[in-house]
Amino acid sequence: MKKMLCGLLLLAFLSVGFQTGGSDAVEVEILLVDGATLTGNILALRDTSIVLWADVTSGKKSAVVLPHRQILNVQTAGSSYILVGLLSGCAVGCLTGVAIGGSQPVEQHGDCSNPAAEKEANQVTGAAIGSLVGALVGLAVGGGASQSSRVLVSPAQRDFKVLKGVARYPDSEPEYLKSIAP
């Protein structure tokens, strides 16, 4: 029972760690006129092009300059926290259920009663009910925290200035970037 509780507690901490990602850079998916797709982060917006940090050669990222005329569609990548919410809720609910089930008083029913077995049965029942309730609550919270993708540039909406909101350098491009990606 203690190993199961430690495992569930570890699972809860790990799943919360996965949710907090790391970088605050917005990942975008860019569909080019020729049908190719690039995924990466917009570094800077120029008058007639954008500078994208993307994987262009087998696992190696580099800065790529894309003229506006080559870009058909730009959208943000969506993110789902449903699984994280489900696992976190299940783990927290299970631990809470075990604690509540273990705190219930054990009643004596004559000479045949086994208090240790009844206490363990209360904990298992609490863990099962707590896991189910926690999973449902975590599923709802994870679904609410998820974000769908947003279309920023399309054939009908060609205003590239909206990309400043997701660019790493929205106001002015650093000099070193100008020399790397002329």
C-alpha atoms as a PDB file:
ATOM      1  CA  MET A   1       0.000   0.000   0.000  1.00  0.00           C
ATOM      2  CA  LYS A   2       2.832   2.404   0.865  1.00  0.00           C
ATOM      3  CA  LYS A   3       4.602   1.643  -2.439  1.00  0.00           C
ATOM      4  CA  MET A   4       1.407   2.435  -4.339  1.00  0.00           C
ATOM      5  CA  LEU A   5       1.023   5.742  -2.483  1.00  0.00           C
ATOM      6  CA  CYS A   6       4.638   6.715  -3.170  1.00  0.00           C
ATOM      7  CA  GLY A   7       4.225   5.807  -6.843  1.00  0.00           C
ATOM      8  CA  LEU A   8       1.074   7.899  -7.183  1.00  0.00           C
ATOM      9  CA  LEU A   9       2.683  10.848  -5.410  1.00  0.00           C
ATOM     10  CA  LEU A  10       5.670  10.623  -7.776  1.00  0.00           C
ATOM     11  CA  LEU A  11       3.290  10.472 -10.746  1.00  0.00           C
ATOM     12  CA  ALA A  12       1.511  13.621  -9.550  1.00  0.00           C
ATOM     13  CA  PHE A  13       4.770  15.555  -9.243  1.00  0.00           C
ATOM     14  CA  LEU A  14       6.016  14.362 -12.641  1.00  0.00           C
ATOM     15  CA  SER A  15       2.802  15.243 -14.425  1.00  0.00           C
ATOM     16  CA  VAL A  16       2.806  18.755 -12.952  1.00  0.00           C
ATOM     17  CA  GLY A  17       6.425  19.124 -14.117  1.00  0.00           C
ATOM     18  CA  PHE A  18       5.437  18.224 -17.685  1.00  0.00           C
ATOM     19  CA  GLN A  19       2.686  20.828 -17.658  1.00  0.00           C
ATOM     20  CA  THR A  20       4.990  23.726 -16.903  1.00  0.00           C
ATOM     21  CA  GLY A  21       6.942  23.154 -20.145  1.00  0.00           C
ATOM     22  CA  GLY A  22       9.828  25.619 -19.996  1.00  0.00           C
ATOM     23  CA  SER A  23      10.157  28.098 -22.816  1.00  0.00           C
ATOM     24  CA  ASP A  24       7.551  30.816 -23.245  1.00  0.00           C
ATOM     25  CA  ALA A  25       8.214  31.005 -27.006  1.00  0.00           C
ATOM     26  CA  VAL A  26       5.118  30.483 -29.139  1.00  0.00           C
ATOM     27  CA  GLU A  27       5.516  27.701 -31.653  1.00  0.00           C
ATOM     28  CA  VAL A  28       3.961  28.332 -35.050  1.00  0.00           C
ATOM     29  CA  GLU A  29       3.220  26.164 -38.056  1.00  0.00           C
ATOM     30  CA  ILE A  30       3.807  27.832 -41.411  1.00  0.00           C
ATOM     31  CA  LEU A  31       2.336  26.462 -44.628  1.00  0.00           C
ATOM     32  CA  LEU A  32       4.244  27.651 -47.662  1.00  0.00           C
ATOM     33  CA  VAL A  33       2.815  28.263 -51.136  1.00  0.00           C
ATOM     34  CA  ASP A  34       4.657  25.178 -52.475  1.00  0.00           C
ATOM     35  CA  GLY A  35       2.887  22.954 -49.885  1.00  0.00           C
ATOM     36  CA  ALA A  36       5.834  22.532 -47.491  1.00  0.00           C
ATOM     37  CA  THR A  37       5.276  23.026 -43.773  1.00  0.00           C
ATOM     38  CA  LEU A  38       7.755  24.514 -41.302  1.00  0.00           C
ATOM     39  CA  THR A  39       7.353  24.466 -37.531  1.00  0.00           C
ATOM     40  CA  GLY A  40       9.338  26.765 -35.282  1.00  0.00           C
ATOM     41  CA  ASN A  41       9.494  30.093 -33.489  1.00  0.00           C
ATOM     42  CA  ILE A  42       9.286  33.485 -35.169  1.00  0.00           C
ATOM     43  CA  LEU A  43      12.371  35.459 -34.209  1.00  0.00           C
ATOM     44  CA  ALA A  44      11.681  38.747 -35.990  1.00  0.00           C
ATOM     45  CA  LEU A  45       9.313  40.397 -38.419  1.00  0.00           C
ATOM     46  CA  ARG A  46      10.748  42.390 -41.313  1.00  0.00           C
ATOM     47  CA  ASP A  47       8.998  44.614 -43.870  1.00  0.00           C
ATOM     48  CA  THR A  48       8.759  41.889 -46.522  1.00  0.00           C
ATOM     49  CA  SER A  49       9.793  38.711 -44.666  1.00  0.00           C
ATOM     50  CA  ILE A  50       9.926  36.922 -41.336  1.00  0.00           C
ATOM     51  CA  VAL A  51      12.865  35.234 -39.616  1.00  0.00           C
ATOM     52  CA  LEU A  52      11.940  31.781 -38.318  1.00  0.00           C
ATOM     53  CA  TRP A  53      13.938  29.532 -35.989  1.00  0.00           C
ATOM     54  CA  ALA A  54      13.110  26.107 -37.391  1.00  0.00           C
ATOM     55  CA  ASP A  55      14.375  22.589 -37.950  1.00  0.00           C
ATOM     56  CA  VAL A  56      15.406  22.638 -41.606  1.00  0.00           C
ATOM     57  CA  THR A  57      18.012  19.864 -41.793  1.00  0.00           C
ATOM     58  CA  SER A  58      17.636  16.583 -39.918  1.00  0.00           C
ATOM     59  CA  GLY A  59      17.385  17.769 -36.343  1.00  0.00           C
ATOM     60  CA  LYS A  60      19.470  20.936 -36.639  1.00  0.00           C
ATOM     61  CA  LYS A  61      17.679  24.234 -36.090  1.00  0.00           C
ATOM     62  CA  SER A  62      18.718  27.434 -37.776  1.00  0.00           C
ATOM     63  CA  ALA A  63      17.361  30.847 -38.719  1.00  0.00           C
ATOM     64  CA  VAL A  64      15.394  30.879 -41.981  1.00  0.00           C
ATOM     65  CA  VAL A  65      14.228  33.996 -43.807  1.00  0.00           C
ATOM     66  CA  LEU A  66      10.798  33.529 -45.413  1.00  0.00           C
ATOM     67  CA  PRO A  67       9.481  36.205 -47.791  1.00  0.00           C
ATOM     68  CA  HIS A  68       5.811  37.063 -47.205  1.00  0.00           C
ATOM     69  CA  ARG A  69       4.929  36.021 -50.771  1.00  0.00           C
ATOM     70  CA  GLN A  70       6.039  32.413 -50.038  1.00  0.00           C
ATOM     71  CA  ILE A  71       3.817  32.117 -46.947  1.00  0.00           C
ATOM     72  CA  LEU A  72       0.281  30.843 -47.361  1.00  0.00           C
ATOM     73  CA  ASN A  73      -0.797  30.273 -43.752  1.00  0.00           C
ATOM     74  CA  VAL A  74       0.609  30.863 -40.229  1.00  0.00           C
ATOM     75  CA  GLN A  75      -1.016  29.369 -37.150  1.00  0.00           C
ATOM     76  CA  THR A  76      -0.048  28.723 -33.548  1.00  0.00           C
ATOM     77  CA  ALA A  77       0.307  25.147 -32.425  1.00  0.00           C
ATOM     78  CA  GLY A  78      -2.416  24.070 -29.997  1.00  0.00           C
ATOM     79  CA  SER A  79      -1.612  22.527 -26.612  1.00  0.00           C
ATOM     80  CA  SER A  80      -3.563  19.932 -24.684  1.00  0.00           C
ATOM     81  CA  TYR A  81      -3.355  19.421 -20.923  1.00  0.00           C
ATOM     82  CA  ILE A  82      -6.125  16.818 -20.721  1.00  0.00           C
ATOM     83  CA  LEU A  83      -3.800  13.879 -19.992  1.00  0.00           C
ATOM     84  CA  VAL A  84      -1.810  15.885 -17.444  1.00  0.00           C
ATOM     85  CA  GLY A  85      -5.019  16.942 -15.698  1.00  0.00           C
ATOM     86  CA  LEU A  86      -6.367  13.408 -15.737  1.00  0.00           C
ATOM     87  CA  LEU A  87      -3.212  11.873 -14.241  1.00  0.00           C
ATOM     88  CA  SER A  88      -2.698  14.634 -11.679  1.00  0.00           C
ATOM     89  CA  GLY A  89      -6.327  14.511 -10.572  1.00  0.00           C
ATOM     90  CA  CYS A  90      -6.256  10.736 -10.335  1.00  0.00           C
ATOM     91  CA  ALA A  91      -3.098  10.760  -8.200  1.00  0.00           C
ATOM     92  CA  VAL A  92      -4.268  13.541  -5.866  1.00  0.00           C
ATOM     93  CA  GLY A  93      -7.726  11.974  -5.578  1.00  0.00           C
ATOM     94  CA  CYS A  94      -6.233   8.584  -4.774  1.00  0.00           C
ATOM     95  CA  LEU A  95      -4.005   9.976  -2.036  1.00  0.00           C
ATOM     96  CA  THR A  96      -6.877  11.966  -0.574  1.00  0.00           C
ATOM     97  CA  GLY A  97      -9.160   8.926  -0.714  1.00  0.00           C
ATOM     98  CA  VAL A  98      -6.601   6.737   1.064  1.00  0.00           C
ATOM     99  CA  ALA A  99      -6.192   9.362   3.789  1.00  0.00           C
ATOM    100  CA  ILE A 100      -9.935   9.744   4.284  1.00  0.00           C
ATOM    101  CA  GLY A 101     -10.556   5.989   4.111  1.00  0.00           C
ATOM    102  CA  GLY A 102      -7.798   5.329   6.638  1.00  0.00           C
ATOM    103  CA  SER A 103      -9.231   7.864   9.057  1.00  0.00           C
ATOM    104  CA  GLN A 104     -12.643   6.158   9.223  1.00  0.00           C
ATOM    105  CA  PRO A 105     -13.339   4.399  12.543  1.00  0.00           C
ATOM    106  CA  VAL A 106     -13.248   0.606  12.495  1.00  0.00           C
ATOM    107  CA  GLU A 107     -16.296  -0.992  14.106  1.00  0.00           C
ATOM    108  CA  GLN A 108     -16.087  -4.241  16.054  1.00  0.00           C
ATOM    109  CA  HIS A 109     -18.593  -6.935  14.953  1.00  0.00           C
ATOM    110  CA  GLY A 110     -18.005  -9.592  17.534  1.00  0.00           C
ATOM    111  CA  ASP A 111     -15.016 -11.937  17.636  1.00  0.00           C
ATOM    112  CA  CYS A 112     -14.800 -12.392  13.824  1.00  0.00           C
ATOM    113  CA  SER A 113     -13.850  -8.802  13.036  1.00  0.00           C
ATOM    114  CA  ASN A 114     -10.337  -8.022  11.768  1.00  0.00           C
ATOM    115  CA  PRO A 115      -9.652  -4.300  12.345  1.00  0.00           C
ATOM    116  CA  ALA A 116      -6.498  -4.224  10.172  1.00  0.00           C
ATOM    117  CA  ALA A 117      -8.283  -5.805   7.202  1.00  0.00           C
ATOM    118  CA  GLU A 118     -11.269  -3.457   7.580  1.00  0.00           C
ATOM    119  CA  LYS A 119      -8.989  -0.404   7.741  1.00  0.00           C
ATOM    120  CA  GLU A 120      -7.179  -1.547   4.572  1.00  0.00           C
ATOM    121  CA  ALA A 121     -10.528  -2.125   2.849  1.00  0.00           C
ATOM    122  CA  ASN A 122     -11.553   1.435   3.788  1.00  0.00           C
ATOM    123  CA  GLN A 123      -8.310   2.766   2.298  1.00  0.00           C
ATOM    124  CA  VAL A 124      -8.732   0.795  -0.930  1.00  0.00           C
ATOM    125  CA  THR A 125     -12.346   1.963  -1.272  1.00  0.00           C
ATOM    126  CA  GLY A 126     -11.273   5.555  -0.582  1.00  0.00           C
ATOM    127  CA  ALA A 127      -8.476   5.261  -3.141  1.00  0.00           C
ATOM    128  CA  ALA A 128     -10.851   3.955  -5.816  1.00  0.00           C
ATOM    129  CA  ILE A 129     -13.515   6.599  -5.223  1.00  0.00           C
ATOM    130  CA  GLY A 130     -10.932   9.377  -4.813  1.00  0.00           C
ATOM    131  CA  SER A 131      -9.148   8.345  -8.036  1.00  0.00           C
ATOM    132  CA  LEU A 132     -12.386   8.433 -10.002  1.00  0.00           C
ATOM    133  CA  VAL A 133     -13.504  11.801  -8.645  1.00  0.00           C
ATOM    134  CA  GLY A 134      -9.999  13.262  -8.958  1.00  0.00           C
ATOM    135  CA  ALA A 135      -9.683  12.020 -12.541  1.00  0.00           C
ATOM    136  CA  LEU A 136     -12.978  13.664 -13.503  1.00  0.00           C
ATOM    137  CA  VAL A 137     -12.004  16.962 -11.873  1.00  0.00           C
ATOM    138  CA  GLY A 138      -8.519  16.813 -13.429  1.00  0.00           C
ATOM    139  CA  LEU A 139     -10.035  16.063 -16.831  1.00  0.00           C
ATOM    140  CA  ALA A 140     -12.233  19.146 -16.579  1.00  0.00           C
ATOM    141  CA  VAL A 141      -9.360  21.376 -15.427  1.00  0.00           C
ATOM    142  CA  GLY A 142      -6.985  20.012 -18.081  1.00  0.00           C
ATOM    143  CA  GLY A 143      -9.581  20.536 -20.785  1.00  0.00           C
ATOM    144  CA  GLY A 144     -10.139  24.104 -19.625  1.00  0.00           C
ATOM    145  CA  ALA A 145      -6.411  24.857 -19.632  1.00  0.00           C
ATOM    146  CA  SER A 146      -5.907  23.476 -23.154  1.00  0.00           C
ATOM    147  CA  GLN A 147      -5.543  25.893 -26.032  1.00  0.00           C
ATOM    148  CA  SER A 148      -6.612  25.399 -29.614  1.00  0.00           C
ATOM    149  CA  SER A 149      -4.513  26.615 -32.505  1.00  0.00           C
ATOM    150  CA  ARG A 150      -5.114  30.145 -33.847  1.00  0.00           C
ATOM    151  CA  VAL A 151      -4.787  31.167 -37.475  1.00  0.00           C
ATOM    152  CA  LEU A 152      -2.693  34.343 -37.605  1.00  0.00           C
ATOM    153  CA  VAL A 153      -2.128  34.733 -41.364  1.00  0.00           C
ATOM    154  CA  SER A 154      -4.234  33.196 -44.106  1.00  0.00           C
ATOM    155  CA  PRO A 155      -5.018  33.892 -47.770  1.00  0.00           C
ATOM    156  CA  ALA A 156      -7.969  36.019 -46.593  1.00  0.00           C
ATOM    157  CA  GLN A 157      -5.974  37.856 -43.872  1.00  0.00           C
ATOM    158  CA  ARG A 158      -2.540  38.977 -45.119  1.00  0.00           C
ATOM    159  CA  ASP A 159      -1.622  41.466 -42.348  1.00  0.00           C
ATOM    160  CA  PHE A 160       1.747  40.134 -41.148  1.00  0.00           C
ATOM    161  CA  LYS A 161       1.945  42.734 -38.348  1.00  0.00           C
ATOM    162  CA  VAL A 162      -0.155  40.415 -36.202  1.00  0.00           C
ATOM    163  CA  LEU A 163       2.928  38.163 -35.999  1.00  0.00           C
ATOM    164  CA  LYS A 164       4.639  40.728 -33.757  1.00  0.00           C
ATOM    165  CA  GLY A 165       2.551  39.295 -30.932  1.00  0.00           C
ATOM    166  CA  VAL A 166       4.332  35.933 -31.197  1.00  0.00           C
ATOM    167  CA  ALA A 167       7.798  37.072 -32.342  1.00  0.00           C
ATOM    168  CA  ARG A 168      10.797  36.716 -30.040  1.00  0.00           C
ATOM    169  CA  TYR A 169      11.948  40.232 -31.012  1.00  0.00           C
ATOM    170  CA  PRO A 170       8.710  42.110 -31.783  1.00  0.00           C
ATOM    171  CA  ASP A 171      10.096  45.659 -31.858  1.00  0.00           C
ATOM    172  CA  SER A 172      13.607  45.615 -33.256  1.00  0.00           C
ATOM    173  CA  GLU A 173      15.749  42.860 -34.628  1.00  0.00           C
ATOM    174  CA  PRO A 174      19.166  42.443 -32.931  1.00  0.00           C
ATOM    175  CA  GLU A 175      22.249  43.144 -35.057  1.00  0.00           C
ATOM    176  CA  TYR A 176      23.625  39.610 -34.736  1.00  0.00           C
ATOM    177  CA  LEU A 177      20.391  38.227 -36.172  1.00  0.00           C
ATOM    178  CA  LYS A 178      20.649  40.561 -39.152  1.00  0.00           C
ATOM    179  CA  SER A 179      24.093  39.165 -39.901  1.00  0.00           C
ATOM    180  CA  ILE A 180      23.077  35.507 -39.393  1.00  0.00           C
ATOM    181  CA  ALA A 181      19.937  35.707 -41.528  1.00  0.00           C
ATOM    182  CA  PRO A 182      20.380  38.584 -43.992  1.00  0.00           C
END
